[in-house]
Amino acid sequence: MAKITKTKIKEAEYLEIKPMKSLDQLVNEVLAENIKSVLDMQVGVRSALDSLITQVMRKSEGKADPNKIRRIILDKM
């Protein structure tokens, strides 16, 4: 039986960590997937922006800052 060392445990932990996409990439994906919300937002539907922010939050598994997401989306419009 192989001996498990702290080093091997650390290596295994690192292998399971998924590389996080940049916030900008996540926003681009959500905008591309939600054309109707983008169009609604452009005509002033407030709930469309909230919906897009929610979608990015889901993709980031809750790790992204909603204020940063809002700024990125508004900058892209």
PDB file of N, CA and C in Angstrom:
ATOM      1  N   MET A   1       0.842  -1.181   0.000  1.00  0.00           N
ATOM      2  CA  MET A   1       0.000   0.000   0.000  1.00  0.00           C
ATOM      3  C   MET A   1       0.881   1.236   0.000  1.00  0.00           C
ATOM      4  N   ALA A   2       0.574   2.168  -0.854  1.00  0.00           N
ATOM      5  CA  ALA A   2       1.386   3.379  -0.985  1.00  0.00           C
ATOM      6  C   ALA A   2       1.153   4.285   0.216  1.00  0.00           C
ATOM      7  N   LYS A   3       2.214   4.915   0.620  1.00  0.00           N
ATOM      8  CA  LYS A   3       2.138   5.834   1.752  1.00  0.00           C
ATOM      9  C   LYS A   3       1.634   7.193   1.252  1.00  0.00           C
ATOM     10  N   ILE A   4       0.641   7.724   1.933  1.00  0.00           N
ATOM     11  CA  ILE A   4       0.100   9.033   1.560  1.00  0.00           C
ATOM     12  C   ILE A   4       0.799  10.091   2.397  1.00  0.00           C
ATOM     13  N   THR A   5       1.395  11.034   1.719  1.00  0.00           N
ATOM     14  CA  THR A   5       2.098  12.107   2.412  1.00  0.00           C
ATOM     15  C   THR A   5       1.335  13.411   2.259  1.00  0.00           C
ATOM     16  N   LYS A   6       1.720  14.399   3.067  1.00  0.00           N
ATOM     17  CA  LYS A   6       1.069  15.706   2.972  1.00  0.00           C
ATOM     18  C   LYS A   6       1.268  16.305   1.585  1.00  0.00           C
ATOM     19  N   THR A   7       2.424  16.052   0.984  1.00  0.00           N
ATOM     20  CA  THR A   7       2.701  16.582  -0.349  1.00  0.00           C
ATOM     21  C   THR A   7       1.726  16.007  -1.365  1.00  0.00           C
ATOM     22  N   LYS A   8       1.469  14.704  -1.303  1.00  0.00           N
ATOM     23  CA  LYS A   8       0.545  14.079  -2.247  1.00  0.00           C
ATOM     24  C   LYS A   8      -0.870  14.603  -2.053  1.00  0.00           C
ATOM     25  N   ILE A   9      -1.254  14.846  -0.819  1.00  0.00           N
ATOM     26  CA  ILE A   9      -2.588  15.395  -0.560  1.00  0.00           C
ATOM     27  C   ILE A   9      -2.691  16.793  -1.153  1.00  0.00           C
ATOM     28  N   LYS A  10      -1.664  17.618  -0.966  1.00  0.00           N
ATOM     29  CA  LYS A  10      -1.671  18.974  -1.532  1.00  0.00           C
ATOM     30  C   LYS A  10      -1.766  18.913  -3.053  1.00  0.00           C
ATOM     31  N   GLU A  11      -1.010  18.021  -3.685  1.00  0.00           N
ATOM     32  CA  GLU A  11      -1.043  17.894  -5.145  1.00  0.00           C
ATOM     33  C   GLU A  11      -2.434  17.503  -5.612  1.00  0.00           C
ATOM     34  N   ALA A  12      -3.089  16.596  -4.903  1.00  0.00           N
ATOM     35  CA  ALA A  12      -4.425  16.167  -5.276  1.00  0.00           C
ATOM     36  C   ALA A  12      -5.415  17.325  -5.154  1.00  0.00           C
ATOM     37  N   GLU A  13      -5.261  18.142  -4.119  1.00  0.00           N
ATOM     38  CA  GLU A  13      -6.145  19.298  -3.945  1.00  0.00           C
ATOM     39  C   GLU A  13      -5.991  20.262  -5.120  1.00  0.00           C
ATOM     40  N   TYR A  14      -4.772  20.490  -5.550  1.00  0.00           N
ATOM     41  CA  TYR A  14      -4.531  21.415  -6.652  1.00  0.00           C
ATOM     42  C   TYR A  14      -5.107  20.891  -7.964  1.00  0.00           C
ATOM     43  N   LEU A  15      -5.103  19.595  -8.153  1.00  0.00           N
ATOM     44  CA  LEU A  15      -5.626  19.023  -9.386  1.00  0.00           C
ATOM     45  C   LEU A  15      -7.135  19.195  -9.496  1.00  0.00           C
ATOM     46  N   GLU A  16      -7.826  19.258  -8.366  1.00  0.00           N
ATOM     47  CA  GLU A  16      -9.280  19.362  -8.393  1.00  0.00           C
ATOM     48  C   GLU A  16      -9.774  20.786  -8.547  1.00  0.00           C
ATOM     49  N   ILE A  17      -8.917  21.761  -8.404  1.00  0.00           N
ATOM     50  CA  ILE A  17      -9.324  23.149  -8.537  1.00  0.00           C
ATOM     51  C   ILE A  17      -9.468  23.477 -10.014  1.00  0.00           C
ATOM     52  N   LYS A  18     -10.664  23.939 -10.399  1.00  0.00           N
ATOM     53  CA  LYS A  18     -10.902  24.312 -11.787  1.00  0.00           C
ATOM     54  C   LYS A  18     -10.343  25.707 -12.021  1.00  0.00           C
ATOM     55  N   PRO A  19      -9.753  25.934 -13.164  1.00  0.00           N
ATOM     56  CA  PRO A  19      -9.288  27.292 -13.445  1.00  0.00           C
ATOM     57  C   PRO A  19     -10.496  28.216 -13.599  1.00  0.00           C
ATOM     58  N   MET A  20     -10.469  29.315 -12.900  1.00  0.00           N
ATOM     59  CA  MET A  20     -11.571  30.282 -12.939  1.00  0.00           C
ATOM     60  C   MET A  20     -11.436  31.159 -14.173  1.00  0.00           C
ATOM     61  N   LYS A  21     -12.512  31.264 -14.910  1.00  0.00           N
ATOM     62  CA  LYS A  21     -12.508  32.155 -16.067  1.00  0.00           C
ATOM     63  C   LYS A  21     -12.521  33.585 -15.551  1.00  0.00           C
ATOM     64  N   SER A  22     -12.006  34.475 -16.349  1.00  0.00           N
ATOM     65  CA  SER A  22     -12.031  35.871 -15.937  1.00  0.00           C
ATOM     66  C   SER A  22     -13.469  36.372 -15.960  1.00  0.00           C
ATOM     67  N   LEU A  23     -13.722  37.375 -15.164  1.00  0.00           N
ATOM     68  CA  LEU A  23     -15.054  37.946 -15.074  1.00  0.00           C
ATOM     69  C   LEU A  23     -15.511  38.478 -16.433  1.00  0.00           C
ATOM     70  N   ASP A  24     -14.591  39.046 -17.165  1.00  0.00           N
ATOM     71  CA  ASP A  24     -14.915  39.567 -18.494  1.00  0.00           C
ATOM     72  C   ASP A  24     -15.370  38.435 -19.427  1.00  0.00           C
ATOM     73  N   GLN A  25     -14.704  37.292 -19.349  1.00  0.00           N
ATOM     74  CA  GLN A  25     -15.092  36.146 -20.175  1.00  0.00           C
ATOM     75  C   GLN A  25     -16.490  35.660 -19.805  1.00  0.00           C
ATOM     76  N   LEU A  26     -16.761  35.600 -18.502  1.00  0.00           N
ATOM     77  CA  LEU A  26     -18.077  35.147 -18.054  1.00  0.00           C
ATOM     78  C   LEU A  26     -19.172  36.090 -18.537  1.00  0.00           C
ATOM     79  N   VAL A  27     -18.920  37.394 -18.448  1.00  0.00           N
ATOM     80  CA  VAL A  27     -19.897  38.374 -18.917  1.00  0.00           C
ATOM     81  C   VAL A  27     -20.126  38.206 -20.416  1.00  0.00           C
ATOM     82  N   ASN A  28     -19.058  38.030 -21.176  1.00  0.00           N
ATOM     83  CA  ASN A  28     -19.201  37.842 -22.631  1.00  0.00           C
ATOM     84  C   ASN A  28     -20.047  36.615 -22.951  1.00  0.00           C
ATOM     85  N   GLU A  29     -19.821  35.529 -22.226  1.00  0.00           N
ATOM     86  CA  GLU A  29     -20.602  34.307 -22.444  1.00  0.00           C
ATOM     87  C   GLU A  29     -22.080  34.551 -22.162  1.00  0.00           C
ATOM     88  N   VAL A  30     -22.360  35.204 -21.035  1.00  0.00           N
ATOM     89  CA  VAL A  30     -23.749  35.451 -20.655  1.00  0.00           C
ATOM     90  C   VAL A  30     -24.428  36.377 -21.656  1.00  0.00           C
ATOM     91  N   LEU A  31     -23.736  37.404 -22.101  1.00  0.00           N
ATOM     92  CA  LEU A  31     -24.320  38.317 -23.088  1.00  0.00           C
ATOM     93  C   LEU A  31     -24.635  37.588 -24.390  1.00  0.00           C
ATOM     94  N   ALA A  32     -23.744  36.699 -24.798  1.00  0.00           N
ATOM     95  CA  ALA A  32     -23.956  35.945 -26.038  1.00  0.00           C
ATOM     96  C   ALA A  32     -25.120  34.952 -25.902  1.00  0.00           C
ATOM     97  N   GLU A  33     -25.303  34.412 -24.706  1.00  0.00           N
ATOM     98  CA  GLU A  33     -26.351  33.420 -24.478  1.00  0.00           C
ATOM     99  C   GLU A  33     -27.719  34.048 -24.213  1.00  0.00           C
ATOM    100  N   ASN A  34     -27.766  35.334 -23.900  1.00  0.00           N
ATOM    101  CA  ASN A  34     -29.015  35.980 -23.492  1.00  0.00           C
ATOM    102  C   ASN A  34     -29.292  37.231 -24.327  1.00  0.00           C
ATOM    103  N   ILE A  35     -29.428  37.031 -25.616  1.00  0.00           N
ATOM    104  CA  ILE A  35     -29.624  38.141 -26.549  1.00  0.00           C
ATOM    105  C   ILE A  35     -30.884  38.946 -26.211  1.00  0.00           C
ATOM    106  N   LYS A  36     -31.975  38.263 -25.843  1.00  0.00           N
ATOM    107  CA  LYS A  36     -33.215  38.973 -25.524  1.00  0.00           C
ATOM    108  C   LYS A  36     -33.012  39.923 -24.345  1.00  0.00           C
ATOM    109  N   SER A  37     -32.330  39.477 -23.315  1.00  0.00           N
ATOM    110  CA  SER A  37     -32.074  40.339 -22.158  1.00  0.00           C
ATOM    111  C   SER A  37     -31.199  41.529 -22.539  1.00  0.00           C
ATOM    112  N   VAL A  38     -30.233  41.297 -23.421  1.00  0.00           N
ATOM    113  CA  VAL A  38     -29.373  42.391 -23.885  1.00  0.00           C
ATOM    114  C   VAL A  38     -30.216  43.429 -24.624  1.00  0.00           C
ATOM    115  N   LEU A  39     -31.088  42.967 -25.514  1.00  0.00           N
ATOM    116  CA  LEU A  39     -31.948  43.884 -26.263  1.00  0.00           C
ATOM    117  C   LEU A  39     -32.906  44.627 -25.331  1.00  0.00           C
ATOM    118  N   ASP A  40     -33.477  43.903 -24.368  1.00  0.00           N
ATOM    119  CA  ASP A  40     -34.373  44.538 -23.398  1.00  0.00           C
ATOM    120  C   ASP A  40     -33.635  45.609 -22.596  1.00  0.00           C
ATOM    121  N   MET A  41     -32.408  45.294 -22.213  1.00  0.00           N
ATOM    122  CA  MET A  41     -31.626  46.260 -21.436  1.00  0.00           C
ATOM    123  C   MET A  41     -31.342  47.524 -22.242  1.00  0.00           C
ATOM    124  N   GLN A  42     -31.090  47.354 -23.517  1.00  0.00           N
ATOM    125  CA  GLN A  42     -30.790  48.500 -24.375  1.00  0.00           C
ATOM    126  C   GLN A  42     -31.972  49.445 -24.525  1.00  0.00           C
ATOM    127  N   VAL A  43     -33.198  48.928 -24.349  1.00  0.00           N
ATOM    128  CA  VAL A  43     -34.369  49.793 -24.421  1.00  0.00           C
ATOM    129  C   VAL A  43     -34.836  50.242 -23.040  1.00  0.00           C
ATOM    130  N   GLY A  44     -34.053  49.894 -22.016  1.00  0.00           N
ATOM    131  CA  GLY A  44     -34.321  50.425 -20.685  1.00  0.00           C
ATOM    132  C   GLY A  44     -35.056  49.529 -19.713  1.00  0.00           C
ATOM    133  N   VAL A  45     -35.174  48.253 -19.979  1.00  0.00           N
ATOM    134  CA  VAL A  45     -35.844  47.341 -19.054  1.00  0.00           C
ATOM    135  C   VAL A  45     -34.864  46.996 -17.933  1.00  0.00           C
ATOM    136  N   ARG A  46     -35.127  47.516 -16.737  1.00  0.00           N
ATOM    137  CA  ARG A  46     -34.224  47.365 -15.590  1.00  0.00           C
ATOM    138  C   ARG A  46     -34.027  45.899 -15.183  1.00  0.00           C
ATOM    139  N   SER A  47     -35.088  45.127 -15.240  1.00  0.00           N
ATOM    140  CA  SER A  47     -34.995  43.732 -14.812  1.00  0.00           C
ATOM    141  C   SER A  47     -34.056  42.920 -15.706  1.00  0.00           C
ATOM    142  N   ALA A  48     -33.835  43.370 -16.924  1.00  0.00           N
ATOM    143  CA  ALA A  48     -32.934  42.661 -17.836  1.00  0.00           C
ATOM    144  C   ALA A  48     -31.497  42.710 -17.312  1.00  0.00           C
ATOM    145  N   LEU A  49     -31.079  43.861 -16.793  1.00  0.00           N
ATOM    146  CA  LEU A  49     -29.734  43.982 -16.232  1.00  0.00           C
ATOM    147  C   LEU A  49     -29.584  43.063 -15.030  1.00  0.00           C
ATOM    148  N   ASP A  50     -30.583  43.046 -14.171  1.00  0.00           N
ATOM    149  CA  ASP A  50     -30.539  42.172 -12.994  1.00  0.00           C
ATOM    150  C   ASP A  50     -30.462  40.699 -13.400  1.00  0.00           C
ATOM    151  N   SER A  51     -31.185  40.355 -14.438  1.00  0.00           N
ATOM    152  CA  SER A  51     -31.166  38.982 -14.936  1.00  0.00           C
ATOM    153  C   SER A  51     -29.772  38.595 -15.440  1.00  0.00           C
ATOM    154  N   LEU A  52     -29.143  39.492 -16.180  1.00  0.00           N
ATOM    155  CA  LEU A  52     -27.789  39.222 -16.694  1.00  0.00           C
ATOM    156  C   LEU A  52     -26.788  39.081 -15.545  1.00  0.00           C
ATOM    157  N   ILE A  53     -26.909  39.934 -14.554  1.00  0.00           N
ATOM    158  CA  ILE A  53     -26.013  39.858 -13.391  1.00  0.00           C
ATOM    159  C   ILE A  53     -26.189  38.512 -12.692  1.00  0.00           C
ATOM    160  N   THR A  54     -27.439  38.089 -12.547  1.00  0.00           N
ATOM    161  CA  THR A  54     -27.726  36.799 -11.911  1.00  0.00           C
ATOM    162  C   THR A  54     -27.096  35.648 -12.684  1.00  0.00           C
ATOM    163  N   GLN A  55     -27.181  35.700 -14.012  1.00  0.00           N
ATOM    164  CA  GLN A  55     -26.594  34.643 -14.836  1.00  0.00           C
ATOM    165  C   GLN A  55     -25.072  34.570 -14.668  1.00  0.00           C
ATOM    166  N   VAL A  56     -24.419  35.729 -14.603  1.00  0.00           N
ATOM    167  CA  VAL A  56     -22.964  35.738 -14.400  1.00  0.00           C
ATOM    168  C   VAL A  56     -22.629  35.193 -13.006  1.00  0.00           C
ATOM    169  N   MET A  57     -23.427  35.561 -12.007  1.00  0.00           N
ATOM    170  CA  MET A  57     -23.209  35.053 -10.649  1.00  0.00           C
ATOM    171  C   MET A  57     -23.307  33.521 -10.625  1.00  0.00           C
ATOM    172  N   ARG A  58     -24.264  32.980 -11.353  1.00  0.00           N
ATOM    173  CA  ARG A  58     -24.407  31.516 -11.422  1.00  0.00           C
ATOM    174  C   ARG A  58     -23.179  30.883 -12.059  1.00  0.00           C
ATOM    175  N   LYS A  59     -22.716  31.479 -13.154  1.00  0.00           N
ATOM    176  CA  LYS A  59     -21.541  30.922 -13.847  1.00  0.00           C
ATOM    177  C   LYS A  59     -20.286  30.992 -12.978  1.00  0.00           C
ATOM    178  N   SER A  60     -20.218  32.008 -12.113  1.00  0.00           N
ATOM    179  CA  SER A  60     -19.039  32.162 -11.249  1.00  0.00           C
ATOM    180  C   SER A  60     -19.207  31.409  -9.939  1.00  0.00           C
ATOM    181  N   GLU A  61     -20.321  30.695  -9.809  1.00  0.00           N
ATOM    182  CA  GLU A  61     -20.640  29.943  -8.596  1.00  0.00           C
ATOM    183  C   GLU A  61     -20.694  30.862  -7.377  1.00  0.00           C
ATOM    184  N   GLY A  62     -21.200  32.069  -7.579  1.00  0.00           N
ATOM    185  CA  GLY A  62     -21.377  33.023  -6.487  1.00  0.00           C
ATOM    186  C   GLY A  62     -20.129  33.745  -6.037  1.00  0.00           C
ATOM    187  N   LYS A  63     -19.041  33.588  -6.768  1.00  0.00           N
ATOM    188  CA  LYS A  63     -17.762  34.165  -6.346  1.00  0.00           C
ATOM    189  C   LYS A  63     -17.508  35.565  -6.892  1.00  0.00           C
ATOM    190  N   ALA A  64     -18.272  35.979  -7.881  1.00  0.00           N
ATOM    191  CA  ALA A  64     -18.036  37.282  -8.514  1.00  0.00           C
ATOM    192  C   ALA A  64     -18.749  38.391  -7.741  1.00  0.00           C
ATOM    193  N   ASP A  65     -18.194  39.576  -7.821  1.00  0.00           N
ATOM    194  CA  ASP A  65     -18.773  40.750  -7.178  1.00  0.00           C
ATOM    195  C   ASP A  65     -19.851  41.328  -8.102  1.00  0.00           C
ATOM    196  N   PRO A  66     -21.115  41.389  -7.636  1.00  0.00           N
ATOM    197  CA  PRO A  66     -22.199  41.886  -8.492  1.00  0.00           C
ATOM    198  C   PRO A  66     -21.986  43.326  -8.970  1.00  0.00           C
ATOM    199  N   ASN A  67     -21.338  44.142  -8.175  1.00  0.00           N
ATOM    200  CA  ASN A  67     -21.083  45.525  -8.585  1.00  0.00           C
ATOM    201  C   ASN A  67     -20.094  45.585  -9.752  1.00  0.00           C
ATOM    202  N   LYS A  68     -19.089  44.722  -9.712  1.00  0.00           N
ATOM    203  CA  LYS A  68     -18.128  44.656 -10.822  1.00  0.00           C
ATOM    204  C   LYS A  68     -18.814  44.136 -12.081  1.00  0.00           C
ATOM    205  N   ILE A  69     -19.670  43.134 -11.894  1.00  0.00           N
ATOM    206  CA  ILE A  69     -20.409  42.583 -13.038  1.00  0.00           C
ATOM    207  C   ILE A  69     -21.255  43.680 -13.670  1.00  0.00           C
ATOM    208  N   ARG A  70     -21.966  44.441 -12.851  1.00  0.00           N
ATOM    209  CA  ARG A  70     -22.821  45.521 -13.331  1.00  0.00           C
ATOM    210  C   ARG A  70     -22.011  46.527 -14.152  1.00  0.00           C
ATOM    211  N   ARG A  71     -20.840  46.917 -13.627  1.00  0.00           N
ATOM    212  CA  ARG A  71     -19.993  47.876 -14.342  1.00  0.00           C
ATOM    213  C   ARG A  71     -19.524  47.327 -15.691  1.00  0.00           C
ATOM    214  N   ILE A  72     -19.115  46.068 -15.701  1.00  0.00           N
ATOM    215  CA  ILE A  72     -18.630  45.458 -16.942  1.00  0.00           C
ATOM    216  C   ILE A  72     -19.747  45.412 -17.979  1.00  0.00           C
ATOM    217  N   ILE A  73     -20.934  44.983 -17.556  1.00  0.00           N
ATOM    218  CA  ILE A  73     -22.055  44.904 -18.487  1.00  0.00           C
ATOM    219  C   ILE A  73     -22.401  46.280 -19.030  1.00  0.00           C
ATOM    220  N   LEU A  74     -22.481  47.273 -18.149  1.00  0.00           N
ATOM    221  CA  LEU A  74     -22.843  48.627 -18.595  1.00  0.00           C
ATOM    222  C   LEU A  74     -21.776  49.207 -19.511  1.00  0.00           C
ATOM    223  N   ASP A  75     -20.504  48.895 -19.268  1.00  0.00           N
ATOM    224  CA  ASP A  75     -19.435  49.358 -20.139  1.00  0.00           C
ATOM    225  C   ASP A  75     -19.529  48.754 -21.535  1.00  0.00           C
ATOM    226  N   LYS A  76     -20.049  47.536 -21.618  1.00  0.00           N
ATOM    227  CA  LYS A  76     -20.154  46.848 -22.900  1.00  0.00           C
ATOM    228  C   LYS A  76     -21.364  47.310 -23.721  1.00  0.00           C
ATOM    229  N   MET A  77     -22.274  48.031 -23.093  1.00  0.00           N
ATOM    230  CA  MET A  77     -23.483  48.447 -23.801  1.00  0.00           C
ATOM    231  C   MET A  77     -23.245  49.705 -24.548  1.00  0.00           C
TER     232      MET A  77
END
